[in-house]
């Protein structure tokens, strides 16, 4: 089978197509014939050598796929060859076939074509698990950084479905317009002083929850933007790893700062998250309450261009690799 491999850690030009043995379904696993693989920021980090897979996981990049079941391992009852599916992975997605624990495989959302579905499961699992983690509730105000990206476009819509007021940041008029179209109550250009805008928008109260993909660069401003009992959850480090935390400011707000990663969770936790996505999110997609993000598709052979697109900062929504 064809896979994407690295000549060495570094730039997109180091991504090349190679041949590898087709996986065999172990007990409790299925093998999927891949039709599409989502491209995520974590993939860029792995390519650069900064985000290795967990022990025992394929070195092949790729955290989500869609396709059809090719083979079923011993003990798997819910799937049959030919069934359409989407899967959350710890690695291995940039390939023609991938093996995955059966609990991390769910049916695609109704009414969404299988290629688009390949870019939905990872963002859905990320957002659902993190909003559950910080207990985002109806009537609260949430700030979503990077609202025009894959996670951001989904988070805006899911937060609105939960009954939250949504503020967001993005980097161009077109991206800000998209955020508003998806339901954001207010959208701020991050090139401006978004922290002041958030304070004004909340009457100085601050926000209850912040979903942050930036990391160190925004840490101080994020803590300052929290309301009493506010919760900041960091899920990315686009703005660096090490920041300054004003503990007094956090203490006076009774605030919480937490950080999570989906990739390294135990299989049982990932299975529970995938089940929650199927139960709670797919009906919202079917009803139109959540729309798939705008997407840009590249064939597997153009994987380097797909990475360049996501890295450029010009991308809106999802980048998806298609596998012929």
C-alpha atoms as a PDB file:
ATOM      1  CA  UNK A   1       0.000   0.000   0.000  1.00  0.00           C
ATOM      2  CA  UNK A   2       1.019   3.638  -0.431  1.00  0.00           C
ATOM      3  CA  UNK A   3       1.853   5.736   2.633  1.00  0.00           C
ATOM      4  CA  UNK A   4       3.275   9.175   3.227  1.00  0.00           C
ATOM      5  CA  UNK A   5       6.645   9.077   4.947  1.00  0.00           C
ATOM      6  CA  UNK A   6       9.368  11.555   5.890  1.00  0.00           C
ATOM      7  CA  UNK A   7      12.866  11.639   4.451  1.00  0.00           C
ATOM      8  CA  UNK A   8      13.774  13.498   7.667  1.00  0.00           C
ATOM      9  CA  UNK A   9      12.031  15.968  10.010  1.00  0.00           C
ATOM     10  CA  UNK A  10      11.664  19.395   8.447  1.00  0.00           C
ATOM     11  CA  UNK A  11       9.699  21.150   5.733  1.00  0.00           C
ATOM     12  CA  UNK A  12       6.812  19.941   3.558  1.00  0.00           C
ATOM     13  CA  UNK A  13       9.281  18.953   0.828  1.00  0.00           C
ATOM     14  CA  UNK A  14      10.369  16.059   3.071  1.00  0.00           C
ATOM     15  CA  UNK A  15       6.982  14.355   2.724  1.00  0.00           C
ATOM     16  CA  UNK A  16       7.168  11.596   0.106  1.00  0.00           C
ATOM     17  CA  UNK A  17       5.061   8.661  -1.070  1.00  0.00           C
ATOM     18  CA  UNK A  18       6.432   5.212  -0.218  1.00  0.00           C
ATOM     19  CA  UNK A  19       5.275   1.603  -0.105  1.00  0.00           C
ATOM     20  CA  UNK A  20       4.548  -0.312   3.103  1.00  0.00           C
ATOM     21  CA  UNK A  21       2.888  -3.614   4.063  1.00  0.00           C
ATOM     22  CA  UNK A  22      -0.870  -3.453   4.375  1.00  0.00           C
ATOM     23  CA  UNK A  23      -1.980  -3.697   8.033  1.00  0.00           C
ATOM     24  CA  UNK A  24      -3.744  -6.789   9.386  1.00  0.00           C
ATOM     25  CA  UNK A  25      -6.647  -6.417  11.815  1.00  0.00           C
ATOM     26  CA  UNK A  26      -5.593  -7.426  15.322  1.00  0.00           C
ATOM     27  CA  UNK A  27      -8.204  -8.610  17.849  1.00  0.00           C
ATOM     28  CA  UNK A  28     -10.518  -5.743  18.688  1.00  0.00           C
ATOM     29  CA  UNK A  29      -9.417  -3.763  15.631  1.00  0.00           C
ATOM     30  CA  UNK A  30     -10.607  -3.058  12.112  1.00  0.00           C
ATOM     31  CA  UNK A  31      -8.668  -2.165   8.978  1.00  0.00           C
ATOM     32  CA  UNK A  32     -10.085   0.739   6.989  1.00  0.00           C
ATOM     33  CA  UNK A  33      -9.670   1.417   3.292  1.00  0.00           C
ATOM     34  CA  UNK A  34      -8.981   5.134   3.484  1.00  0.00           C
ATOM     35  CA  UNK A  35     -10.899   7.516   1.247  1.00  0.00           C
ATOM     36  CA  UNK A  36      -9.872  10.760   2.958  1.00  0.00           C
ATOM     37  CA  UNK A  37      -7.580  11.921   5.755  1.00  0.00           C
ATOM     38  CA  UNK A  38      -7.886  15.202   7.612  1.00  0.00           C
ATOM     39  CA  UNK A  39      -4.797  17.417   7.864  1.00  0.00           C
ATOM     40  CA  UNK A  40      -4.326  18.988  11.292  1.00  0.00           C
ATOM     41  CA  UNK A  41      -1.895  21.338  13.012  1.00  0.00           C
ATOM     42  CA  UNK A  42      -0.552  18.395  14.987  1.00  0.00           C
ATOM     43  CA  UNK A  43       0.495  16.838  11.668  1.00  0.00           C
ATOM     44  CA  UNK A  44       2.673  19.862  10.923  1.00  0.00           C
ATOM     45  CA  UNK A  45       4.359  19.501  14.306  1.00  0.00           C
ATOM     46  CA  UNK A  46       4.992  15.795  13.760  1.00  0.00           C
ATOM     47  CA  UNK A  47       6.499  16.520  10.343  1.00  0.00           C
ATOM     48  CA  UNK A  48       8.850  19.044  11.972  1.00  0.00           C
ATOM     49  CA  UNK A  49       9.939  16.490  14.581  1.00  0.00           C
ATOM     50  CA  UNK A  50       8.188  18.107  17.550  1.00  0.00           C
ATOM     51  CA  UNK A  51       5.219  15.768  18.107  1.00  0.00           C
ATOM     52  CA  UNK A  52       6.194  12.093  17.902  1.00  0.00           C
ATOM     53  CA  UNK A  53       3.484   9.434  18.037  1.00  0.00           C
ATOM     54  CA  UNK A  54       2.824   7.616  21.320  1.00  0.00           C
ATOM     55  CA  UNK A  55       4.828   4.419  21.895  1.00  0.00           C
ATOM     56  CA  UNK A  56       3.714   1.575  19.666  1.00  0.00           C
ATOM     57  CA  UNK A  57       1.813   3.840  17.243  1.00  0.00           C
ATOM     58  CA  UNK A  58       2.586   4.109  13.523  1.00  0.00           C
ATOM     59  CA  UNK A  59       5.135   6.755  12.532  1.00  0.00           C
ATOM     60  CA  UNK A  60       2.877   7.633   9.581  1.00  0.00           C
ATOM     61  CA  UNK A  61       1.245  11.044  10.087  1.00  0.00           C
ATOM     62  CA  UNK A  62      -2.547  11.389  10.264  1.00  0.00           C
ATOM     63  CA  UNK A  63      -5.079  11.588  13.112  1.00  0.00           C
ATOM     64  CA  UNK A  64      -8.421  11.092  11.333  1.00  0.00           C
ATOM     65  CA  UNK A  65      -9.757   9.267   8.293  1.00  0.00           C
ATOM     66  CA  UNK A  66     -12.928   8.295   6.519  1.00  0.00           C
ATOM     67  CA  UNK A  67     -13.454   5.267   4.335  1.00  0.00           C
ATOM     68  CA  UNK A  68     -14.880   1.757   4.363  1.00  0.00           C
ATOM     69  CA  UNK A  69     -14.205  -1.255   6.548  1.00  0.00           C
ATOM     70  CA  UNK A  70     -11.808  -3.632   4.784  1.00  0.00           C
ATOM     71  CA  UNK A  71     -11.179  -6.240   7.490  1.00  0.00           C
ATOM     72  CA  UNK A  72     -12.590  -7.018  10.935  1.00  0.00           C
ATOM     73  CA  UNK A  73     -10.482  -8.440  13.752  1.00  0.00           C
ATOM     74  CA  UNK A  74     -11.508 -11.092  16.246  1.00  0.00           C
ATOM     75  CA  UNK A  75     -14.110  -9.947  18.769  1.00  0.00           C
ATOM     76  CA  UNK A  76     -15.439  -7.078  16.671  1.00  0.00           C
ATOM     77  CA  UNK A  77     -19.195  -7.435  16.180  1.00  0.00           C
ATOM     78  CA  UNK A  78     -20.366  -3.950  15.191  1.00  0.00           C
ATOM     79  CA  UNK A  79     -18.638  -3.715  11.796  1.00  0.00           C
ATOM     80  CA  UNK A  80     -18.698  -5.603   8.502  1.00  0.00           C
ATOM     81  CA  UNK A  81     -16.490  -5.214   5.405  1.00  0.00           C
ATOM     82  CA  UNK A  82     -17.870  -2.469   3.168  1.00  0.00           C
ATOM     83  CA  UNK A  83     -19.404  -0.391   5.971  1.00  0.00           C
ATOM     84  CA  UNK A  84     -18.716   3.341   5.648  1.00  0.00           C
ATOM     85  CA  UNK A  85     -16.999   4.863   8.657  1.00  0.00           C
ATOM     86  CA  UNK A  86     -14.880   7.616  10.148  1.00  0.00           C
ATOM     87  CA  UNK A  87     -12.123   7.016  12.669  1.00  0.00           C
ATOM     88  CA  UNK A  88     -10.112   8.893  15.270  1.00  0.00           C
ATOM     89  CA  UNK A  89      -6.465   7.815  15.161  1.00  0.00           C
ATOM     90  CA  UNK A  90      -3.285   8.160  17.165  1.00  0.00           C
ATOM     91  CA  UNK A  91      -1.390   8.000  13.865  1.00  0.00           C
ATOM     92  CA  UNK A  92      -1.262   6.291  10.495  1.00  0.00           C
ATOM     93  CA  UNK A  93      -3.893   8.213   8.541  1.00  0.00           C
ATOM     94  CA  UNK A  94      -1.838   9.299   5.519  1.00  0.00           C
ATOM     95  CA  UNK A  95      -2.090   5.875   3.897  1.00  0.00           C
ATOM     96  CA  UNK A  96      -4.296   3.686   1.723  1.00  0.00           C
ATOM     97  CA  UNK A  97      -5.153   1.434   4.686  1.00  0.00           C
ATOM     98  CA  UNK A  98      -5.034   1.939   8.449  1.00  0.00           C
ATOM     99  CA  UNK A  99      -5.683  -0.330  11.427  1.00  0.00           C
ATOM    100  CA  UNK A 100      -7.555   1.171  14.375  1.00  0.00           C
ATOM    101  CA  UNK A 101      -9.270  -0.009  17.582  1.00  0.00           C
ATOM    102  CA  UNK A 102     -12.936  -0.601  16.797  1.00  0.00           C
ATOM    103  CA  UNK A 103     -14.108   1.735  19.578  1.00  0.00           C
ATOM    104  CA  UNK A 104     -12.526   4.671  17.764  1.00  0.00           C
ATOM    105  CA  UNK A 105     -14.584   4.006  14.637  1.00  0.00           C
ATOM    106  CA  UNK A 106     -18.086   5.406  14.165  1.00  0.00           C
ATOM    107  CA  UNK A 107     -20.522   5.804  11.300  1.00  0.00           C
ATOM    108  CA  UNK A 108     -20.138   9.032   9.297  1.00  0.00           C
ATOM    109  CA  UNK A 109     -22.567  11.858  10.033  1.00  0.00           C
ATOM    110  CA  UNK A 110     -25.805  11.625   8.054  1.00  0.00           C
ATOM    111  CA  UNK A 111     -25.962  13.766   4.924  1.00  0.00           C
ATOM    112  CA  UNK A 112     -22.210  14.459   4.732  1.00  0.00           C
ATOM    113  CA  UNK A 113     -20.188  13.006   1.872  1.00  0.00           C
ATOM    114  CA  UNK A 114     -17.484  10.610   2.942  1.00  0.00           C
ATOM    115  CA  UNK A 115     -14.558  12.860   1.978  1.00  0.00           C
ATOM    116  CA  UNK A 116     -15.874  15.798   3.997  1.00  0.00           C
ATOM    117  CA  UNK A 117     -16.567  13.428   6.892  1.00  0.00           C
ATOM    118  CA  UNK A 118     -12.843  12.643   6.949  1.00  0.00           C
ATOM    119  CA  UNK A 119     -12.223  16.138   8.268  1.00  0.00           C
ATOM    120  CA  UNK A 120     -14.931  16.155  10.939  1.00  0.00           C
ATOM    121  CA  UNK A 121     -14.238  13.470  13.504  1.00  0.00           C
ATOM    122  CA  UNK A 122     -11.000  14.849  15.011  1.00  0.00           C
ATOM    123  CA  UNK A 123     -12.299  18.395  15.437  1.00  0.00           C
ATOM    124  CA  UNK A 124     -15.594  17.099  16.828  1.00  0.00           C
ATOM    125  CA  UNK A 125     -13.805  14.862  19.326  1.00  0.00           C
ATOM    126  CA  UNK A 126     -11.459  17.697  20.317  1.00  0.00           C
ATOM    127  CA  UNK A 127     -14.210  20.225  20.899  1.00  0.00           C
ATOM    128  CA  UNK A 128     -16.659  17.899  22.632  1.00  0.00           C
ATOM    129  CA  UNK A 129     -14.047  16.476  25.001  1.00  0.00           C
ATOM    130  CA  UNK A 130     -12.703  19.916  25.909  1.00  0.00           C
ATOM    131  CA  UNK A 131     -16.055  21.610  26.418  1.00  0.00           C
ATOM    132  CA  UNK A 132     -17.044  18.650  28.582  1.00  0.00           C
ATOM    133  CA  UNK A 133     -13.749  19.004  30.471  1.00  0.00           C
ATOM    134  CA  UNK A 134     -14.437  22.652  31.368  1.00  0.00           C
ATOM    135  CA  UNK A 135     -18.204  22.143  31.730  1.00  0.00           C
ATOM    136  CA  UNK A 136     -19.337  24.785  29.233  1.00  0.00           C
ATOM    137  CA  UNK A 137     -23.011  25.396  29.996  1.00  0.00           C
ATOM    138  CA  UNK A 138     -25.982  27.161  28.457  1.00  0.00           C
ATOM    139  CA  UNK A 139     -25.963  30.883  29.220  1.00  0.00           C
ATOM    140  CA  UNK A 140     -22.195  31.106  29.623  1.00  0.00           C
ATOM    141  CA  UNK A 141     -19.864  33.121  27.405  1.00  0.00           C
ATOM    142  CA  UNK A 142     -17.039  31.355  25.570  1.00  0.00           C
ATOM    143  CA  UNK A 143     -14.087  32.824  23.671  1.00  0.00           C
ATOM    144  CA  UNK A 144     -12.811  30.670  20.800  1.00  0.00           C
ATOM    145  CA  UNK A 145      -9.407  31.617  19.415  1.00  0.00           C
ATOM    146  CA  UNK A 146      -8.751  30.815  15.763  1.00  0.00           C
ATOM    147  CA  UNK A 147     -12.433  30.790  14.910  1.00  0.00           C
ATOM    148  CA  UNK A 148     -11.931  30.293  11.165  1.00  0.00           C
ATOM    149  CA  UNK A 149      -9.821  27.136  11.490  1.00  0.00           C
ATOM    150  CA  UNK A 150     -10.979  23.547  11.576  1.00  0.00           C
ATOM    151  CA  UNK A 151     -11.407  23.413  15.363  1.00  0.00           C
ATOM    152  CA  UNK A 152     -12.684  26.972  15.573  1.00  0.00           C
ATOM    153  CA  UNK A 153     -15.426  26.645  12.967  1.00  0.00           C
ATOM    154  CA  UNK A 154     -16.715  23.566  14.735  1.00  0.00           C
ATOM    155  CA  UNK A 155     -16.365  25.023  18.246  1.00  0.00           C
ATOM    156  CA  UNK A 156     -18.401  28.112  17.359  1.00  0.00           C
ATOM    157  CA  UNK A 157     -21.309  26.030  16.144  1.00  0.00           C
ATOM    158  CA  UNK A 158     -21.190  23.463  18.939  1.00  0.00           C
ATOM    159  CA  UNK A 159     -21.017  26.170  21.616  1.00  0.00           C
ATOM    160  CA  UNK A 160     -24.071  27.859  20.088  1.00  0.00           C
ATOM    161  CA  UNK A 161     -25.886  24.520  20.092  1.00  0.00           C
ATOM    162  CA  UNK A 162     -25.112  24.255  23.809  1.00  0.00           C
ATOM    163  CA  UNK A 163     -26.718  27.668  24.357  1.00  0.00           C
ATOM    164  CA  UNK A 164     -23.540  29.678  24.945  1.00  0.00           C
ATOM    165  CA  UNK A 165     -22.726  33.204  23.835  1.00  0.00           C
ATOM    166  CA  UNK A 166     -19.735  32.944  21.496  1.00  0.00           C
ATOM    167  CA  UNK A 167     -16.898  35.427  21.002  1.00  0.00           C
ATOM    168  CA  UNK A 168     -14.065  34.577  18.651  1.00  0.00           C
ATOM    169  CA  UNK A 169     -10.852  35.837  17.086  1.00  0.00           C
ATOM    170  CA  UNK A 170      -9.641  35.528  13.497  1.00  0.00           C
ATOM    171  CA  UNK A 171      -7.139  37.227  11.215  1.00  0.00           C
ATOM    172  CA  UNK A 172      -8.937  38.771   8.215  1.00  0.00           C
ATOM    173  CA  UNK A 173     -12.281  40.378   7.317  1.00  0.00           C
ATOM    174  CA  UNK A 174     -13.230  37.290   5.309  1.00  0.00           C
ATOM    175  CA  UNK A 175     -12.478  34.968   8.206  1.00  0.00           C
ATOM    176  CA  UNK A 176     -14.346  37.204  10.639  1.00  0.00           C
ATOM    177  CA  UNK A 177     -17.364  37.144   8.315  1.00  0.00           C
ATOM    178  CA  UNK A 178     -17.231  33.337   8.225  1.00  0.00           C
ATOM    179  CA  UNK A 179     -17.189  33.198  12.029  1.00  0.00           C
ATOM    180  CA  UNK A 180     -20.297  35.375  12.180  1.00  0.00           C
ATOM    181  CA  UNK A 181     -22.021  33.276   9.511  1.00  0.00           C
ATOM    182  CA  UNK A 182     -21.391  30.198  11.649  1.00  0.00           C
ATOM    183  CA  UNK A 183     -23.048  31.814  14.649  1.00  0.00           C
ATOM    184  CA  UNK A 184     -20.396  33.796  16.527  1.00  0.00           C
ATOM    185  CA  UNK A 185     -22.064  36.660  18.379  1.00  0.00           C
ATOM    186  CA  UNK A 186     -18.934  38.815  18.107  1.00  0.00           C
ATOM    187  CA  UNK A 187     -15.718  38.322  16.132  1.00  0.00           C
ATOM    188  CA  UNK A 188     -12.505  40.283  16.721  1.00  0.00           C
ATOM    189  CA  UNK A 189      -9.422  40.702  14.552  1.00  0.00           C
ATOM    190  CA  UNK A 190      -6.512  39.282  16.522  1.00  0.00           C
ATOM    191  CA  UNK A 191      -4.192  41.868  14.965  1.00  0.00           C
ATOM    192  CA  UNK A 192      -6.054  44.434  17.093  1.00  0.00           C
ATOM    193  CA  UNK A 193      -6.298  44.469  20.894  1.00  0.00           C
ATOM    194  CA  UNK A 194      -8.754  41.618  21.179  1.00  0.00           C
ATOM    195  CA  UNK A 195      -8.419  41.520  24.984  1.00  0.00           C
ATOM    196  CA  UNK A 196      -9.794  45.069  25.273  1.00  0.00           C
ATOM    197  CA  UNK A 197     -12.577  44.192  22.843  1.00  0.00           C
ATOM    198  CA  UNK A 198     -13.507  41.146  24.940  1.00  0.00           C
ATOM    199  CA  UNK A 199     -13.592  43.256  28.107  1.00  0.00           C
ATOM    200  CA  UNK A 200     -15.839  45.828  26.448  1.00  0.00           C
ATOM    201  CA  UNK A 201     -18.101  43.147  24.982  1.00  0.00           C
ATOM    202  CA  UNK A 202     -18.643  41.612  28.427  1.00  0.00           C
ATOM    203  CA  UNK A 203     -18.983  44.866  30.336  1.00  0.00           C
ATOM    204  CA  UNK A 204     -15.702  44.151  32.113  1.00  0.00           C
ATOM    205  CA  UNK A 205     -16.990  40.831  33.450  1.00  0.00           C
ATOM    206  CA  UNK A 206     -14.863  38.582  31.242  1.00  0.00           C
ATOM    207  CA  UNK A 207     -15.667  35.202  29.721  1.00  0.00           C
ATOM    208  CA  UNK A 208     -16.518  31.930  31.418  1.00  0.00           C
ATOM    209  CA  UNK A 209     -14.550  29.651  29.096  1.00  0.00           C
ATOM    210  CA  UNK A 210     -11.661  30.155  26.661  1.00  0.00           C
ATOM    211  CA  UNK A 211     -10.713  27.533  24.071  1.00  0.00           C
ATOM    212  CA  UNK A 212      -7.166  28.426  23.039  1.00  0.00           C
ATOM    213  CA  UNK A 213      -5.023  27.051  20.210  1.00  0.00           C
ATOM    214  CA  UNK A 214      -2.283  29.684  20.597  1.00  0.00           C
ATOM    215  CA  UNK A 215      -0.641  28.900  23.930  1.00  0.00           C
ATOM    216  CA  UNK A 216       2.144  30.989  25.474  1.00  0.00           C
ATOM    217  CA  UNK A 217       1.630  34.172  23.446  1.00  0.00           C
ATOM    218  CA  UNK A 218      -1.925  34.579  24.749  1.00  0.00           C
ATOM    219  CA  UNK A 219      -1.517  33.191  28.264  1.00  0.00           C
ATOM    220  CA  UNK A 220      -1.449  36.464  30.192  1.00  0.00           C
ATOM    221  CA  UNK A 221      -4.208  38.062  28.133  1.00  0.00           C
ATOM    222  CA  UNK A 222      -6.353  34.939  28.394  1.00  0.00           C
ATOM    223  CA  UNK A 223      -6.114  34.865  32.195  1.00  0.00           C
ATOM    224  CA  UNK A 224      -6.947  38.578  32.308  1.00  0.00           C
ATOM    225  CA  UNK A 225     -10.007  37.895  30.150  1.00  0.00           C
ATOM    226  CA  UNK A 226     -11.480  35.272  32.493  1.00  0.00           C
ATOM    227  CA  UNK A 227     -14.612  35.981  34.496  1.00  0.00           C
ATOM    228  CA  UNK A 228     -14.914  34.845  38.095  1.00  0.00           C
ATOM    229  CA  UNK A 229     -14.630  31.037  38.160  1.00  0.00           C
ATOM    230  CA  UNK A 230     -13.529  31.187  34.518  1.00  0.00           C
ATOM    231  CA  UNK A 231     -11.818  28.247  32.806  1.00  0.00           C
ATOM    232  CA  UNK A 232      -9.044  28.434  30.227  1.00  0.00           C
ATOM    233  CA  UNK A 233      -8.285  25.262  28.274  1.00  0.00           C
ATOM    234  CA  UNK A 234      -5.180  25.270  26.075  1.00  0.00           C
ATOM    235  CA  UNK A 235      -5.193  22.799  23.190  1.00  0.00           C
ATOM    236  CA  UNK A 236      -2.425  24.172  20.953  1.00  0.00           C
ATOM    237  CA  UNK A 237       0.918  25.941  20.977  1.00  0.00           C
ATOM    238  CA  UNK A 238       0.933  27.971  17.775  1.00  0.00           C
ATOM    239  CA  UNK A 239       2.172  30.915  19.847  1.00  0.00           C
ATOM    240  CA  UNK A 240       4.855  29.093  21.815  1.00  0.00           C
ATOM    241  CA  UNK A 241       5.301  26.740  24.757  1.00  0.00           C
ATOM    242  CA  UNK A 242       6.422  28.930  27.673  1.00  0.00           C
ATOM    243  CA  UNK A 243       4.538  31.955  28.990  1.00  0.00           C
ATOM    244  CA  UNK A 244       4.165  34.013  32.151  1.00  0.00           C
ATOM    245  CA  UNK A 245       1.274  33.199  34.473  1.00  0.00           C
ATOM    246  CA  UNK A 246       0.125  35.835  36.973  1.00  0.00           C
ATOM    247  CA  UNK A 247      -0.959  33.588  39.830  1.00  0.00           C
ATOM    248  CA  UNK A 248      -2.452  36.462  41.806  1.00  0.00           C
ATOM    249  CA  UNK A 249      -4.698  37.411  38.923  1.00  0.00           C
ATOM    250  CA  UNK A 250      -5.715  33.780  38.515  1.00  0.00           C
ATOM    251  CA  UNK A 251      -6.341  33.438  42.248  1.00  0.00           C
ATOM    252  CA  UNK A 252      -8.491  36.561  42.490  1.00  0.00           C
ATOM    253  CA  UNK A 253     -10.678  35.203  39.691  1.00  0.00           C
ATOM    254  CA  UNK A 254     -10.802  31.697  41.171  1.00  0.00           C
ATOM    255  CA  UNK A 255      -9.713  30.739  37.688  1.00  0.00           C
ATOM    256  CA  UNK A 256      -8.652  27.436  36.191  1.00  0.00           C
ATOM    257  CA  UNK A 257      -5.936  26.928  33.588  1.00  0.00           C
ATOM    258  CA  UNK A 258      -5.821  23.479  32.044  1.00  0.00           C
ATOM    259  CA  UNK A 259      -4.296  21.896  28.955  1.00  0.00           C
ATOM    260  CA  UNK A 260      -5.358  18.744  27.156  1.00  0.00           C
ATOM    261  CA  UNK A 261      -4.238  16.491  24.336  1.00  0.00           C
ATOM    262  CA  UNK A 262      -6.458  13.972  22.580  1.00  0.00           C
ATOM    263  CA  UNK A 263      -3.826  11.859  20.842  1.00  0.00           C
ATOM    264  CA  UNK A 264      -2.228  10.201  23.846  1.00  0.00           C
ATOM    265  CA  UNK A 265      -5.419   9.290  25.704  1.00  0.00           C
ATOM    266  CA  UNK A 266      -6.091   5.612  26.460  1.00  0.00           C
ATOM    267  CA  UNK A 267      -8.151   3.699  23.922  1.00  0.00           C
ATOM    268  CA  UNK A 268     -11.075   3.449  26.362  1.00  0.00           C
ATOM    269  CA  UNK A 269     -11.251   7.236  26.728  1.00  0.00           C
ATOM    270  CA  UNK A 270     -11.095   7.764  22.974  1.00  0.00           C
ATOM    271  CA  UNK A 271     -13.868   5.223  22.478  1.00  0.00           C
ATOM    272  CA  UNK A 272     -16.069   7.084  24.972  1.00  0.00           C
ATOM    273  CA  UNK A 273     -15.363  10.398  23.230  1.00  0.00           C
ATOM    274  CA  UNK A 274     -16.196   8.917  19.820  1.00  0.00           C
ATOM    275  CA  UNK A 275     -19.441   7.505  21.213  1.00  0.00           C
ATOM    276  CA  UNK A 276     -20.317  10.972  22.547  1.00  0.00           C
ATOM    277  CA  UNK A 277     -19.633  12.476  19.115  1.00  0.00           C
ATOM    278  CA  UNK A 278     -21.944   9.958  17.437  1.00  0.00           C
ATOM    279  CA  UNK A 279     -24.667  10.433  20.042  1.00  0.00           C
ATOM    280  CA  UNK A 280     -24.570  14.202  20.555  1.00  0.00           C
ATOM    281  CA  UNK A 281     -22.883  15.794  17.533  1.00  0.00           C
ATOM    282  CA  UNK A 282     -23.999  13.824  14.495  1.00  0.00           C
ATOM    283  CA  UNK A 283     -27.694  14.667  15.124  1.00  0.00           C
ATOM    284  CA  UNK A 284     -26.704  18.362  15.121  1.00  0.00           C
ATOM    285  CA  UNK A 285     -24.938  17.844  11.800  1.00  0.00           C
ATOM    286  CA  UNK A 286     -27.953  15.990  10.397  1.00  0.00           C
ATOM    287  CA  UNK A 287     -30.288  18.812  11.437  1.00  0.00           C
ATOM    288  CA  UNK A 288     -28.056  21.514   9.964  1.00  0.00           C
ATOM    289  CA  UNK A 289     -27.278  23.073  13.360  1.00  0.00           C
ATOM    290  CA  UNK A 290     -23.613  22.288  12.646  1.00  0.00           C
ATOM    291  CA  UNK A 291     -22.247  22.597   9.123  1.00  0.00           C
ATOM    292  CA  UNK A 292     -18.938  21.121   7.943  1.00  0.00           C
ATOM    293  CA  UNK A 293     -16.273  23.802   7.637  1.00  0.00           C
ATOM    294  CA  UNK A 294     -15.132  25.078   4.251  1.00  0.00           C
ATOM    295  CA  UNK A 295     -12.515  22.696   2.967  1.00  0.00           C
ATOM    296  CA  UNK A 296      -9.608  22.478   0.555  1.00  0.00           C
ATOM    297  CA  UNK A 297      -8.877  19.052  -0.913  1.00  0.00           C
ATOM    298  CA  UNK A 298      -5.562  17.681  -2.156  1.00  0.00           C
ATOM    299  CA  UNK A 299      -4.818  14.209  -3.527  1.00  0.00           C
ATOM    300  CA  UNK A 300      -2.453  12.155  -1.381  1.00  0.00           C
ATOM    301  CA  UNK A 301       0.345  12.733  -3.905  1.00  0.00           C
ATOM    302  CA  UNK A 302       0.146  16.479  -3.185  1.00  0.00           C
ATOM    303  CA  UNK A 303       0.542  16.101   0.580  1.00  0.00           C
ATOM    304  CA  UNK A 304       3.383  18.652   0.639  1.00  0.00           C
ATOM    305  CA  UNK A 305       1.090  21.261  -0.918  1.00  0.00           C
ATOM    306  CA  UNK A 306      -1.592  20.403   1.631  1.00  0.00           C
ATOM    307  CA  UNK A 307       0.863  21.095   4.466  1.00  0.00           C
ATOM    308  CA  UNK A 308       1.985  24.332   2.826  1.00  0.00           C
ATOM    309  CA  UNK A 309      -1.637  25.416   2.574  1.00  0.00           C
ATOM    310  CA  UNK A 310      -2.344  24.835   6.265  1.00  0.00           C
ATOM    311  CA  UNK A 311       0.969  26.411   7.274  1.00  0.00           C
ATOM    312  CA  UNK A 312       0.412  29.525   5.177  1.00  0.00           C
ATOM    313  CA  UNK A 313      -2.142  31.090   7.490  1.00  0.00           C
ATOM    314  CA  UNK A 314      -4.364  31.679   4.467  1.00  0.00           C
ATOM    315  CA  UNK A 315      -6.445  28.564   4.957  1.00  0.00           C
ATOM    316  CA  UNK A 316     -10.036  28.681   6.141  1.00  0.00           C
ATOM    317  CA  UNK A 317     -11.655  25.574   7.620  1.00  0.00           C
ATOM    318  CA  UNK A 318     -10.228  22.121   6.891  1.00  0.00           C
ATOM    319  CA  UNK A 319      -7.540  20.725   4.602  1.00  0.00           C
ATOM    320  CA  UNK A 320      -8.296  17.177   3.462  1.00  0.00           C
ATOM    321  CA  UNK A 321      -6.221  14.579   1.640  1.00  0.00           C
ATOM    322  CA  UNK A 322      -8.118  12.336  -0.763  1.00  0.00           C
ATOM    323  CA  UNK A 323      -6.917   8.794  -1.427  1.00  0.00           C
ATOM    324  CA  UNK A 324      -7.645   7.237  -4.824  1.00  0.00           C
END
